Structures are given as C-alpha cells and as structure tokens.
Amino acid sequence: ASSEMLLGVELHRFIDSFTDEHELTKKAK
C-alpha cells in the first residue's frame, strides 16, 4: 500500500467504527 491508500482505507474504517460505536448512534438506532 501507498501512503495515500493506507490513510484513505484506514480512515474509512475509522469512520465506520467510530460511528457504529458512538452512544449517539446506538441510541438513534
């Protein structure tokens, strides 16, 4: 992986995990 790929893909995963695990999201779901 290039630096761009590492940052982009890992940011995608961070967004998904942060969203799913946040209490505001759990409450809304």
mmCIF file of all heavy atoms, coordinates in Angstrom:
data_MODEL
# 
_entry.id   MODEL 
# 
loop_
_atom_site.group_PDB 
_atom_site.id 
_atom_site.type_symbol 
_atom_site.label_atom_id 
_atom_site.label_alt_id 
_atom_site.label_comp_id 
_atom_site.label_asym_id 
_atom_site.label_entity_id 
_atom_site.label_seq_id 
_atom_site.pdbx_PDB_ins_code 
_atom_site.Cartn_x 
_atom_site.Cartn_y 
_atom_site.Cartn_z 
_atom_site.occupancy 
_atom_site.B_iso_or_equiv 
_atom_site.pdbx_formal_charge 
_atom_site.auth_seq_id 
_atom_site.auth_comp_id 
_atom_site.auth_asym_id 
_atom_site.auth_atom_id 
_atom_site.pdbx_PDB_model_num 
ATOM 1   N N   . ALA A 1 1  ? 0.822   -1.211 0.000  1.00 0.00 ? 1  ALA A N   1 
ATOM 2   C CA  . ALA A 1 1  ? 0.000   0.000  0.000  1.00 0.00 ? 1  ALA A CA  1 
ATOM 3   C C   . ALA A 1 1  ? 0.856   1.260  0.000  1.00 0.00 ? 1  ALA A C   1 
ATOM 4   O O   . ALA A 1 1  ? 1.876   1.347  0.686  1.00 0.00 ? 1  ALA A O   1 
ATOM 5   C CB  . ALA A 1 1  ? -0.927  0.012  1.211  1.00 0.00 ? 1  ALA A CB  1 
ATOM 6   N N   . SER A 1 2  ? 0.396   2.245  -0.771 1.00 0.00 ? 2  SER A N   1 
ATOM 7   C CA  . SER A 1 2  ? 0.999   3.572  -0.722 1.00 0.00 ? 2  SER A CA  1 
ATOM 8   C C   . SER A 1 2  ? 0.514   4.297  0.532  1.00 0.00 ? 2  SER A C   1 
ATOM 9   O O   . SER A 1 2  ? -0.431  3.872  1.205  1.00 0.00 ? 2  SER A O   1 
ATOM 10  C CB  . SER A 1 2  ? 0.590   4.378  -1.960 1.00 0.00 ? 2  SER A CB  1 
ATOM 11  O OG  . SER A 1 2  ? -0.819  4.585  -1.954 1.00 0.00 ? 2  SER A OG  1 
ATOM 12  N N   . SER A 1 3  ? 1.134   5.429  0.838  1.00 0.00 ? 3  SER A N   1 
ATOM 13  C CA  . SER A 1 3  ? 0.687   6.230  1.984  1.00 0.00 ? 3  SER A CA  1 
ATOM 14  C C   . SER A 1 3  ? -0.748  6.706  1.785  1.00 0.00 ? 3  SER A C   1 
ATOM 15  O O   . SER A 1 3  ? -1.550  6.747  2.731  1.00 0.00 ? 3  SER A O   1 
ATOM 16  C CB  . SER A 1 3  ? 1.613   7.437  2.175  1.00 0.00 ? 3  SER A CB  1 
ATOM 17  O OG  . SER A 1 3  ? 2.913   7.021  2.508  1.00 0.00 ? 3  SER A OG  1 
ATOM 18  N N   . GLU A 1 4  ? -1.090  7.055  0.541  1.00 0.00 ? 4  GLU A N   1 
ATOM 19  C CA  . GLU A 1 4  ? -2.441  7.514  0.250  1.00 0.00 ? 4  GLU A CA  1 
ATOM 20  C C   . GLU A 1 4  ? -3.460  6.403  0.493  1.00 0.00 ? 4  GLU A C   1 
ATOM 21  O O   . GLU A 1 4  ? -4.540  6.644  1.046  1.00 0.00 ? 4  GLU A O   1 
ATOM 22  C CB  . GLU A 1 4  ? -2.547  7.994  -1.200 1.00 0.00 ? 4  GLU A CB  1 
ATOM 23  C CG  . GLU A 1 4  ? -1.730  9.224  -1.522 1.00 0.00 ? 4  GLU A CG  1 
ATOM 24  C CD  . GLU A 1 4  ? -0.308  8.909  -1.964 1.00 0.00 ? 4  GLU A CD  1 
ATOM 25  O OE1 . GLU A 1 4  ? 0.135   7.745  -1.803 1.00 0.00 ? 4  GLU A OE1 1 
ATOM 26  O OE2 . GLU A 1 4  ? 0.363   9.809  -2.474 1.00 0.00 ? 4  GLU A OE2 1 
ATOM 27  N N   . MET A 1 5  ? -3.099  5.183  0.077  1.00 0.00 ? 5  MET A N   1 
ATOM 28  C CA  . MET A 1 5  ? -4.001  4.053  0.268  1.00 0.00 ? 5  MET A CA  1 
ATOM 29  C C   . MET A 1 5  ? -4.166  3.738  1.751  1.00 0.00 ? 5  MET A C   1 
ATOM 30  O O   . MET A 1 5  ? -5.289  3.532  2.237  1.00 0.00 ? 5  MET A O   1 
ATOM 31  C CB  . MET A 1 5  ? -3.488  2.814  -0.472 1.00 0.00 ? 5  MET A CB  1 
ATOM 32  C CG  . MET A 1 5  ? -4.417  1.609  -0.378 1.00 0.00 ? 5  MET A CG  1 
ATOM 33  S SD  . MET A 1 5  ? -3.731  0.117  -1.157 1.00 0.00 ? 5  MET A SD  1 
ATOM 34  C CE  . MET A 1 5  ? -3.783  0.603  -2.891 1.00 0.00 ? 5  MET A CE  1 
ATOM 35  N N   . LEU A 1 6  ? -3.052  3.719  2.480  1.00 0.00 ? 6  LEU A N   1 
ATOM 36  C CA  . LEU A 1 6  ? -3.119  3.445  3.917  1.00 0.00 ? 6  LEU A CA  1 
ATOM 37  C C   . LEU A 1 6  ? -4.025  4.449  4.634  1.00 0.00 ? 6  LEU A C   1 
ATOM 38  O O   . LEU A 1 6  ? -4.909  4.059  5.412  1.00 0.00 ? 6  LEU A O   1 
ATOM 39  C CB  . LEU A 1 6  ? -1.718  3.491  4.527  1.00 0.00 ? 6  LEU A CB  1 
ATOM 40  C CG  . LEU A 1 6  ? -0.854  2.249  4.401  1.00 0.00 ? 6  LEU A CG  1 
ATOM 41  C CD1 . LEU A 1 6  ? 0.560   2.560  4.868  1.00 0.00 ? 6  LEU A CD1 1 
ATOM 42  C CD2 . LEU A 1 6  ? -1.427  1.084  5.203  1.00 0.00 ? 6  LEU A CD2 1 
ATOM 43  N N   . LEU A 1 7  ? -3.804  5.715  4.359  1.00 0.00 ? 7  LEU A N   1 
ATOM 44  C CA  . LEU A 1 7  ? -4.573  6.738  5.051  1.00 0.00 ? 7  LEU A CA  1 
ATOM 45  C C   . LEU A 1 7  ? -6.044  6.678  4.653  1.00 0.00 ? 7  LEU A C   1 
ATOM 46  O O   . LEU A 1 7  ? -6.937  6.756  5.508  1.00 0.00 ? 7  LEU A O   1 
ATOM 47  C CB  . LEU A 1 7  ? -3.994  8.125  4.760  1.00 0.00 ? 7  LEU A CB  1 
ATOM 48  C CG  . LEU A 1 7  ? -4.623  9.294  5.518  1.00 0.00 ? 7  LEU A CG  1 
ATOM 49  C CD1 . LEU A 1 7  ? -4.572  9.060  7.027  1.00 0.00 ? 7  LEU A CD1 1 
ATOM 50  C CD2 . LEU A 1 7  ? -3.908  10.595 5.164  1.00 0.00 ? 7  LEU A CD2 1 
ATOM 51  N N   . GLY A 1 8  ? -6.311  6.523  3.352  1.00 0.00 ? 8  GLY A N   1 
ATOM 52  C CA  . GLY A 1 8  ? -7.694  6.514  2.884  1.00 0.00 ? 8  GLY A CA  1 
ATOM 53  C C   . GLY A 1 8  ? -8.496  5.338  3.389  1.00 0.00 ? 8  GLY A C   1 
ATOM 54  O O   . GLY A 1 8  ? -9.610  5.493  3.902  1.00 0.00 ? 8  GLY A O   1 
ATOM 55  N N   . VAL A 1 9  ? -7.938  4.129  3.272  1.00 0.00 ? 9  VAL A N   1 
ATOM 56  C CA  . VAL A 1 9  ? -8.663  2.929  3.688  1.00 0.00 ? 9  VAL A CA  1 
ATOM 57  C C   . VAL A 1 9  ? -8.821  2.882  5.202  1.00 0.00 ? 9  VAL A C   1 
ATOM 58  O O   . VAL A 1 9  ? -9.891  2.554  5.729  1.00 0.00 ? 9  VAL A O   1 
ATOM 59  C CB  . VAL A 1 9  ? -7.952  1.658  3.179  1.00 0.00 ? 9  VAL A CB  1 
ATOM 60  C CG1 . VAL A 1 9  ? -8.647  0.403  3.712  1.00 0.00 ? 9  VAL A CG1 1 
ATOM 61  C CG2 . VAL A 1 9  ? -7.929  1.644  1.651  1.00 0.00 ? 9  VAL A CG2 1 
ATOM 62  N N   . GLU A 1 10 ? -7.760  3.230  5.912  1.00 0.00 ? 10 GLU A N   1 
ATOM 63  C CA  . GLU A 1 10 ? -7.845  3.188  7.367  1.00 0.00 ? 10 GLU A CA  1 
ATOM 64  C C   . GLU A 1 10 ? -8.756  4.297  7.907  1.00 0.00 ? 10 GLU A C   1 
ATOM 65  O O   . GLU A 1 10 ? -9.433  4.103  8.931  1.00 0.00 ? 10 GLU A O   1 
ATOM 66  C CB  . GLU A 1 10 ? -6.448  3.269  7.977  1.00 0.00 ? 10 GLU A CB  1 
ATOM 67  C CG  . GLU A 1 10 ? -5.648  1.998  7.704  1.00 0.00 ? 10 GLU A CG  1 
ATOM 68  C CD  . GLU A 1 10 ? -4.271  1.985  8.348  1.00 0.00 ? 10 GLU A CD  1 
ATOM 69  O OE1 . GLU A 1 10 ? -3.839  3.037  8.857  1.00 0.00 ? 10 GLU A OE1 1 
ATOM 70  O OE2 . GLU A 1 10 ? -3.639  0.911  8.343  1.00 0.00 ? 10 GLU A OE2 1 
ATOM 71  N N   . LEU A 1 11 ? -8.823  5.428  7.225  1.00 0.00 ? 11 LEU A N   1 
ATOM 72  C CA  . LEU A 1 11 ? -9.780  6.463  7.614  1.00 0.00 ? 11 LEU A CA  1 
ATOM 73  C C   . LEU A 1 11 ? -11.208 5.971  7.399  1.00 0.00 ? 11 LEU A C   1 
ATOM 74  O O   . LEU A 1 11 ? -12.093 6.213  8.239  1.00 0.00 ? 11 LEU A O   1 
ATOM 75  C CB  . LEU A 1 11 ? -9.542  7.747  6.824  1.00 0.00 ? 11 LEU A CB  1 
ATOM 76  C CG  . LEU A 1 11 ? -10.545 8.885  7.078  1.00 0.00 ? 11 LEU A CG  1 
ATOM 77  C CD1 . LEU A 1 11 ? -10.578 9.274  8.557  1.00 0.00 ? 11 LEU A CD1 1 
ATOM 78  C CD2 . LEU A 1 11 ? -10.204 10.092 6.198  1.00 0.00 ? 11 LEU A CD2 1 
ATOM 79  N N   . HIS A 1 12 ? -11.440 5.278  6.289  1.00 0.00 ? 12 HIS A N   1 
ATOM 80  C CA  . HIS A 1 12 ? -12.766 4.695  6.039  1.00 0.00 ? 12 HIS A CA  1 
ATOM 81  C C   . HIS A 1 12 ? -13.170 3.790  7.202  1.00 0.00 ? 12 HIS A C   1 
ATOM 82  O O   . HIS A 1 12 ? -14.303 3.874  7.705  1.00 0.00 ? 12 HIS A O   1 
ATOM 83  C CB  . HIS A 1 12 ? -12.748 3.904  4.735  1.00 0.00 ? 12 HIS A CB  1 
ATOM 84  C CG  . HIS A 1 12 ? -14.079 3.334  4.366  1.00 0.00 ? 12 HIS A CG  1 
ATOM 85  N ND1 . HIS A 1 12 ? -14.868 3.869  3.370  1.00 0.00 ? 12 HIS A ND1 1 
ATOM 86  C CD2 . HIS A 1 12 ? -14.776 2.273  4.858  1.00 0.00 ? 12 HIS A CD2 1 
ATOM 87  C CE1 . HIS A 1 12 ? -15.990 3.171  3.270  1.00 0.00 ? 12 HIS A CE1 1 
ATOM 88  N NE2 . HIS A 1 12 ? -15.950 2.181  4.160  1.00 0.00 ? 12 HIS A NE2 1 
ATOM 89  N N   . ARG A 1 13 ? -12.262 2.957  7.631  1.00 0.00 ? 13 ARG A N   1 
ATOM 90  C CA  . ARG A 1 13 ? -12.558 2.032  8.734  1.00 0.00 ? 13 ARG A CA  1 
ATOM 91  C C   . ARG A 1 13 ? -12.762 2.779  10.039 1.00 0.00 ? 13 ARG A C   1 
ATOM 92  O O   . ARG A 1 13 ? -13.626 2.408  10.842 1.00 0.00 ? 13 ARG A O   1 
ATOM 93  C CB  . ARG A 1 13 ? -11.432 1.005  8.853  1.00 0.00 ? 13 ARG A CB  1 
ATOM 94  C CG  . ARG A 1 13 ? -11.355 0.059  7.650  1.00 0.00 ? 13 ARG A CG  1 
ATOM 95  C CD  . ARG A 1 13 ? -10.204 -0.916 7.766  1.00 0.00 ? 13 ARG A CD  1 
ATOM 96  N NE  . ARG A 1 13 ? -10.232 -1.885 6.666  1.00 0.00 ? 13 ARG A NE  1 
ATOM 97  C CZ  . ARG A 1 13 ? -9.356  -2.881 6.524  1.00 0.00 ? 13 ARG A CZ  1 
ATOM 98  N NH1 . ARG A 1 13 ? -8.386  -3.040 7.420  1.00 0.00 ? 13 ARG A NH1 1 
ATOM 99  N NH2 . ARG A 1 13 ? -9.447  -3.701 5.497  1.00 0.00 ? 13 ARG A NH2 1 
ATOM 100 N N   . PHE A 1 14 ? -11.976 3.825  10.250 1.00 0.00 ? 14 PHE A N   1 
ATOM 101 C CA  . PHE A 1 14 ? -12.152 4.620  11.464 1.00 0.00 ? 14 PHE A CA  1 
ATOM 102 C C   . PHE A 1 14 ? -13.527 5.271  11.489 1.00 0.00 ? 14 PHE A C   1 
ATOM 103 O O   . PHE A 1 14 ? -14.223 5.264  12.528 1.00 0.00 ? 14 PHE A O   1 
ATOM 104 C CB  . PHE A 1 14 ? -11.070 5.696  11.565 1.00 0.00 ? 14 PHE A CB  1 
ATOM 105 C CG  . PHE A 1 14 ? -11.284 6.654  12.702 1.00 0.00 ? 14 PHE A CG  1 
ATOM 106 C CD1 . PHE A 1 14 ? -10.982 6.289  14.005 1.00 0.00 ? 14 PHE A CD1 1 
ATOM 107 C CD2 . PHE A 1 14 ? -11.825 7.910  12.471 1.00 0.00 ? 14 PHE A CD2 1 
ATOM 108 C CE1 . PHE A 1 14 ? -11.202 7.159  15.063 1.00 0.00 ? 14 PHE A CE1 1 
ATOM 109 C CE2 . PHE A 1 14 ? -12.051 8.790  13.527 1.00 0.00 ? 14 PHE A CE2 1 
ATOM 110 C CZ  . PHE A 1 14 ? -11.746 8.407  14.825 1.00 0.00 ? 14 PHE A CZ  1 
ATOM 111 N N   . ILE A 1 15 ? -13.946 5.843  10.369 1.00 0.00 ? 15 ILE A N   1 
ATOM 112 C CA  . ILE A 1 15 ? -15.266 6.480  10.291 1.00 0.00 ? 15 ILE A CA  1 
ATOM 113 C C   . ILE A 1 15 ? -16.358 5.482  10.636 1.00 0.00 ? 15 ILE A C   1 
ATOM 114 O O   . ILE A 1 15 ? -17.268 5.767  11.422 1.00 0.00 ? 15 ILE A O   1 
ATOM 115 C CB  . ILE A 1 15 ? -15.492 7.082  8.891  1.00 0.00 ? 15 ILE A CB  1 
ATOM 116 C CG1 . ILE A 1 15 ? -14.562 8.274  8.658  1.00 0.00 ? 15 ILE A CG1 1 
ATOM 117 C CG2 . ILE A 1 15 ? -16.957 7.495  8.703  1.00 0.00 ? 15 ILE A CG2 1 
ATOM 118 C CD1 . ILE A 1 15 ? -14.493 8.740  7.218  1.00 0.00 ? 15 ILE A CD1 1 
ATOM 119 N N   . ASP A 1 16 ? -16.280 4.302  10.039 1.00 0.00 ? 16 ASP A N   1 
ATOM 120 C CA  . ASP A 1 16 ? -17.308 3.283  10.277 1.00 0.00 ? 16 ASP A CA  1 
ATOM 121 C C   . ASP A 1 16 ? -17.332 2.840  11.739 1.00 0.00 ? 16 ASP A C   1 
ATOM 122 O O   . ASP A 1 16 ? -18.400 2.732  12.350 1.00 0.00 ? 16 ASP A O   1 
ATOM 123 C CB  . ASP A 1 16 ? -17.083 2.078  9.369  1.00 0.00 ? 16 ASP A CB  1 
ATOM 124 C CG  . ASP A 1 16 ? -17.454 2.360  7.920  1.00 0.00 ? 16 ASP A CG  1 
ATOM 125 O OD1 . ASP A 1 16 ? -18.043 3.428  7.648  1.00 0.00 ? 16 ASP A OD1 1 
ATOM 126 O OD2 . ASP A 1 16 ? -17.166 1.507  7.060  1.00 0.00 ? 16 ASP A OD2 1 
ATOM 127 N N   . SER A 1 17 ? -16.160 2.575  12.308 1.00 0.00 ? 17 SER A N   1 
ATOM 128 C CA  . SER A 1 17 ? -16.121 2.078  13.686 1.00 0.00 ? 17 SER A CA  1 
ATOM 129 C C   . SER A 1 17 ? -16.520 3.166  14.677 1.00 0.00 ? 17 SER A C   1 
ATOM 130 O O   . SER A 1 17 ? -17.261 2.909  15.642 1.00 0.00 ? 17 SER A O   1 
ATOM 131 C CB  . SER A 1 17 ? -14.731 1.527  14.020 1.00 0.00 ? 17 SER A CB  1 
ATOM 132 O OG  . SER A 1 17 ? -13.745 2.533  13.946 1.00 0.00 ? 17 SER A OG  1 
ATOM 133 N N   . PHE A 1 18 ? -16.037 4.391  14.467 1.00 0.00 ? 18 PHE A N   1 
ATOM 134 C CA  . PHE A 1 18 ? -16.392 5.498  15.361 1.00 0.00 ? 18 PHE A CA  1 
ATOM 135 C C   . PHE A 1 18 ? -17.897 5.726  15.347 1.00 0.00 ? 18 PHE A C   1 
ATOM 136 O O   . PHE A 1 18 ? -18.526 5.931  16.396 1.00 0.00 ? 18 PHE A O   1 
ATOM 137 C CB  . PHE A 1 18 ? -15.657 6.770  14.941 1.00 0.00 ? 18 PHE A CB  1 
ATOM 138 C CG  . PHE A 1 18 ? -15.871 7.948  15.855 1.00 0.00 ? 18 PHE A CG  1 
ATOM 139 C CD1 . PHE A 1 18 ? -15.043 8.157  16.943 1.00 0.00 ? 18 PHE A CD1 1 
ATOM 140 C CD2 . PHE A 1 18 ? -16.906 8.854  15.619 1.00 0.00 ? 18 PHE A CD2 1 
ATOM 141 C CE1 . PHE A 1 18 ? -15.236 9.248  17.791 1.00 0.00 ? 18 PHE A CE1 1 
ATOM 142 C CE2 . PHE A 1 18 ? -17.115 9.936  16.466 1.00 0.00 ? 18 PHE A CE2 1 
ATOM 143 C CZ  . PHE A 1 18 ? -16.280 10.134 17.556 1.00 0.00 ? 18 PHE A CZ  1 
ATOM 144 N N   . THR A 1 19 ? -18.484 5.668  14.158 1.00 0.00 ? 19 THR A N   1 
ATOM 145 C CA  . THR A 1 19 ? -19.929 5.871  14.025 1.00 0.00 ? 19 THR A CA  1 
ATOM 146 C C   . THR A 1 19 ? -20.701 4.764  14.724 1.00 0.00 ? 19 THR A C   1 
ATOM 147 O O   . THR A 1 19 ? -21.614 5.026  15.520 1.00 0.00 ? 19 THR A O   1 
ATOM 148 C CB  . THR A 1 19 ? -20.328 5.933  12.538 1.00 0.00 ? 19 THR A CB  1 
ATOM 149 O OG1 . THR A 1 19 ? -19.630 7.016  11.902 1.00 0.00 ? 19 THR A OG1 1 
ATOM 150 C CG2 . THR A 1 19 ? -21.829 6.138  12.377 1.00 0.00 ? 19 THR A CG2 1 
ATOM 151 N N   . ASP A 1 20 ? -20.355 3.521  14.430 1.00 0.00 ? 20 ASP A N   1 
ATOM 152 C CA  . ASP A 1 20 ? -21.105 2.385  14.980 1.00 0.00 ? 20 ASP A CA  1 
ATOM 153 C C   . ASP A 1 20 ? -21.012 2.301  16.499 1.00 0.00 ? 20 ASP A C   1 
ATOM 154 O O   . ASP A 1 20 ? -21.958 1.873  17.163 1.00 0.00 ? 20 ASP A O   1 
ATOM 155 C CB  . ASP A 1 20 ? -20.602 1.078  14.367 1.00 0.00 ? 20 ASP A CB  1 
ATOM 156 C CG  . ASP A 1 20 ? -20.976 0.939  12.904 1.00 0.00 ? 20 ASP A CG  1 
ATOM 157 O OD1 . ASP A 1 20 ? -21.888 1.657  12.446 1.00 0.00 ? 20 ASP A OD1 1 
ATOM 158 O OD2 . ASP A 1 20 ? -20.347 0.109  12.212 1.00 0.00 ? 20 ASP A OD2 1 
ATOM 159 N N   . GLU A 1 21 ? -19.856 2.697  17.047 1.00 0.00 ? 21 GLU A N   1 
ATOM 160 C CA  . GLU A 1 21 ? -19.618 2.523  18.477 1.00 0.00 ? 21 GLU A CA  1 
ATOM 161 C C   . GLU A 1 21 ? -20.044 3.724  19.320 1.00 0.00 ? 21 GLU A C   1 
ATOM 162 O O   . GLU A 1 21 ? -20.051 3.647  20.546 1.00 0.00 ? 21 GLU A O   1 
ATOM 163 C CB  . GLU A 1 21 ? -18.126 2.243  18.710 1.00 0.00 ? 21 GLU A CB  1 
ATOM 164 C CG  . GLU A 1 21 ? -17.667 0.914  18.116 1.00 0.00 ? 21 GLU A CG  1 
ATOM 165 C CD  . GLU A 1 21 ? -16.157 0.788  18.075 1.00 0.00 ? 21 GLU A CD  1 
ATOM 166 O OE1 . GLU A 1 21 ? -15.475 1.656  18.682 1.00 0.00 ? 21 GLU A OE1 1 
ATOM 167 O OE2 . GLU A 1 21 ? -15.658 -0.156 17.451 1.00 0.00 ? 21 GLU A OE2 1 
ATOM 168 N N   . HIS A 1 22 ? -20.424 4.819  18.669 1.00 0.00 ? 22 HIS A N   1 
ATOM 169 C CA  . HIS A 1 22 ? -20.759 6.025  19.426 1.00 0.00 ? 22 HIS A CA  1 
ATOM 170 C C   . HIS A 1 22 ? -22.138 5.895  20.071 1.00 0.00 ? 22 HIS A C   1 
ATOM 171 O O   . HIS A 1 22 ? -23.075 5.354  19.475 1.00 0.00 ? 22 HIS A O   1 
ATOM 172 C CB  . HIS A 1 22 ? -20.735 7.252  18.507 1.00 0.00 ? 22 HIS A CB  1 
ATOM 173 C CG  . HIS A 1 22 ? -20.580 8.538  19.249 1.00 0.00 ? 22 HIS A CG  1 
ATOM 174 N ND1 . HIS A 1 22 ? -21.633 9.165  19.898 1.00 0.00 ? 22 HIS A ND1 1 
ATOM 175 C CD2 . HIS A 1 22 ? -19.488 9.317  19.469 1.00 0.00 ? 22 HIS A CD2 1 
ATOM 176 C CE1 . HIS A 1 22 ? -21.199 10.267 20.458 1.00 0.00 ? 22 HIS A CE1 1 
ATOM 177 N NE2 . HIS A 1 22 ? -19.907 10.385 20.219 1.00 0.00 ? 22 HIS A NE2 1 
ATOM 178 N N   . GLU A 1 23 ? -22.254 6.407  21.280 1.00 0.00 ? 23 GLU A N   1 
ATOM 179 C CA  . GLU A 1 23 ? -23.511 6.287  22.022 1.00 0.00 ? 23 GLU A CA  1 
ATOM 180 C C   . GLU A 1 23 ? -24.666 6.991  21.320 1.00 0.00 ? 23 GLU A C   1 
ATOM 181 O O   . GLU A 1 23 ? -25.815 6.535  21.391 1.00 0.00 ? 23 GLU A O   1 
ATOM 182 C CB  . GLU A 1 23 ? -23.346 6.842  23.439 1.00 0.00 ? 23 GLU A CB  1 
ATOM 183 C CG  . GLU A 1 23 ? -22.515 5.952  24.343 1.00 0.00 ? 23 GLU A CG  1 
ATOM 184 C CD  . GLU A 1 23 ? -23.096 4.534  24.457 1.00 0.00 ? 23 GLU A CD  1 
ATOM 185 O OE1 . GLU A 1 23 ? -24.322 4.404  24.639 1.00 0.00 ? 23 GLU A OE1 1 
ATOM 186 O OE2 . GLU A 1 23 ? -22.311 3.580  24.339 1.00 0.00 ? 23 GLU A OE2 1 
ATOM 187 N N   . LEU A 1 24 ? -24.405 8.109  20.646 1.00 0.00 ? 24 LEU A N   1 
ATOM 188 C CA  . LEU A 1 24 ? -25.471 8.793  19.922 1.00 0.00 ? 24 LEU A CA  1 
ATOM 189 C C   . LEU A 1 24 ? -26.030 7.918  18.806 1.00 0.00 ? 24 LEU A C   1 
ATOM 190 O O   . LEU A 1 24 ? -27.242 7.906  18.555 1.00 0.00 ? 24 LEU A O   1 
ATOM 191 C CB  . LEU A 1 24 ? -24.955 10.120 19.354 1.00 0.00 ? 24 LEU A CB  1 
ATOM 192 C CG  . LEU A 1 24 ? -24.718 11.238 20.359 1.00 0.00 ? 24 LEU A CG  1 
ATOM 193 C CD1 . LEU A 1 24 ? -24.011 12.412 19.692 1.00 0.00 ? 24 LEU A CD1 1 
ATOM 194 C CD2 . LEU A 1 24 ? -26.035 11.694 20.992 1.00 0.00 ? 24 LEU A CD2 1 
ATOM 195 N N   . THR A 1 25 ? -25.142 7.189  18.128 1.00 0.00 ? 25 THR A N   1 
ATOM 196 C CA  . THR A 1 25 ? -25.593 6.291  17.058 1.00 0.00 ? 25 THR A CA  1 
ATOM 197 C C   . THR A 1 25 ? -26.362 5.110  17.635 1.00 0.00 ? 25 THR A C   1 
ATOM 198 O O   . THR A 1 25 ? -27.416 4.725  17.105 1.00 0.00 ? 25 THR A O   1 
ATOM 199 C CB  . THR A 1 25 ? -24.384 5.787  16.250 1.00 0.00 ? 25 THR A CB  1 
ATOM 200 O OG1 . THR A 1 25 ? -23.681 6.910  15.701 1.00 0.00 ? 25 THR A OG1 1 
ATOM 201 C CG2 . THR A 1 25 ? -24.833 4.874  15.119 1.00 0.00 ? 25 THR A CG2 1 
ATOM 202 N N   . LYS A 1 26 ? -25.853 4.538  18.705 1.00 0.00 ? 26 LYS A N   1 
ATOM 203 C CA  . LYS A 1 26 ? -26.550 3.408  19.323 1.00 0.00 ? 26 LYS A CA  1 
ATOM 204 C C   . LYS A 1 26 ? -27.952 3.814  19.766 1.00 0.00 ? 26 LYS A C   1 
ATOM 205 O O   . LYS A 1 26 ? -28.922 3.058  19.593 1.00 0.00 ? 26 LYS A O   1 
ATOM 206 C CB  . LYS A 1 26 ? -25.741 2.886  20.505 1.00 0.00 ? 26 LYS A CB  1 
ATOM 207 C CG  . LYS A 1 26 ? -24.432 2.211  20.113 1.00 0.00 ? 26 LYS A CG  1 
ATOM 208 C CD  . LYS A 1 26 ? -23.667 1.751  21.358 1.00 0.00 ? 26 LYS A CD  1 
ATOM 209 C CE  . LYS A 1 26 ? -22.358 1.076  20.989 1.00 0.00 ? 26 LYS A CE  1 
ATOM 210 N NZ  . LYS A 1 26 ? -21.594 0.651  22.187 1.00 0.00 ? 26 LYS A NZ  1 
ATOM 211 N N   . LYS A 1 27 ? -28.075 4.994  20.337 1.00 0.00 ? 27 LYS A N   1 
ATOM 212 C CA  . LYS A 1 27 ? -29.379 5.480  20.792 1.00 0.00 ? 27 LYS A CA  1 
ATOM 213 C C   . LYS A 1 27 ? -30.318 5.685  19.607 1.00 0.00 ? 27 LYS A C   1 
ATOM 214 O O   . LYS A 1 27 ? -31.495 5.268  19.653 1.00 0.00 ? 27 LYS A O   1 
ATOM 215 C CB  . LYS A 1 27 ? -29.206 6.788  21.552 1.00 0.00 ? 27 LYS A CB  1 
ATOM 216 C CG  . LYS A 1 27 ? -30.514 7.387  22.058 1.00 0.00 ? 27 LYS A CG  1 
ATOM 217 C CD  . LYS A 1 27 ? -30.253 8.702  22.791 1.00 0.00 ? 27 LYS A CD  1 
ATOM 218 C CE  . LYS A 1 27 ? -31.564 9.349  23.226 1.00 0.00 ? 27 LYS A CE  1 
ATOM 219 N NZ  . LYS A 1 27 ? -31.328 10.655 23.928 1.00 0.00 ? 27 LYS A NZ  1 
ATOM 220 N N   . ALA A 1 28 ? -29.831 6.316  18.535 1.00 0.00 ? 28 ALA A N   1 
ATOM 221 C CA  . ALA A 1 28 ? -30.671 6.562  17.365 1.00 0.00 ? 28 ALA A CA  1 
ATOM 222 C C   . ALA A 1 28 ? -31.114 5.259  16.716 1.00 0.00 ? 28 ALA A C   1 
ATOM 223 O O   . ALA A 1 28 ? -32.285 5.107  16.334 1.00 0.00 ? 28 ALA A O   1 
ATOM 224 C CB  . ALA A 1 28 ? -29.924 7.431  16.358 1.00 0.00 ? 28 ALA A CB  1 
ATOM 225 N N   . LYS A 1 29 ? -30.195 4.305  16.589 1.00 0.00 ? 29 LYS A N   1 
ATOM 226 C CA  . LYS A 1 29 ? -30.560 3.013  16.001 1.00 0.00 ? 29 LYS A CA  1 
ATOM 227 C C   . LYS A 1 29 ? -31.621 2.305  16.831 1.00 0.00 ? 29 LYS A C   1 
ATOM 228 O O   . LYS A 1 29 ? -32.559 1.700  16.280 1.00 0.00 ? 29 LYS A O   1 
ATOM 229 C CB  . LYS A 1 29 ? -29.322 2.125  15.852 1.00 0.00 ? 29 LYS A CB  1 
ATOM 230 C CG  . LYS A 1 29 ? -28.396 2.544  14.724 1.00 0.00 ? 29 LYS A CG  1 
ATOM 231 C CD  . LYS A 1 29 ? -27.353 1.492  14.413 1.00 0.00 ? 29 LYS A CD  1 
ATOM 232 C CE  . LYS A 1 29 ? -26.362 1.322  15.518 1.00 0.00 ? 29 LYS A CE  1 
ATOM 233 N NZ  . LYS A 1 29 ? -25.241 0.415  15.120 1.00 0.00 ? 29 LYS A NZ  1 
# 
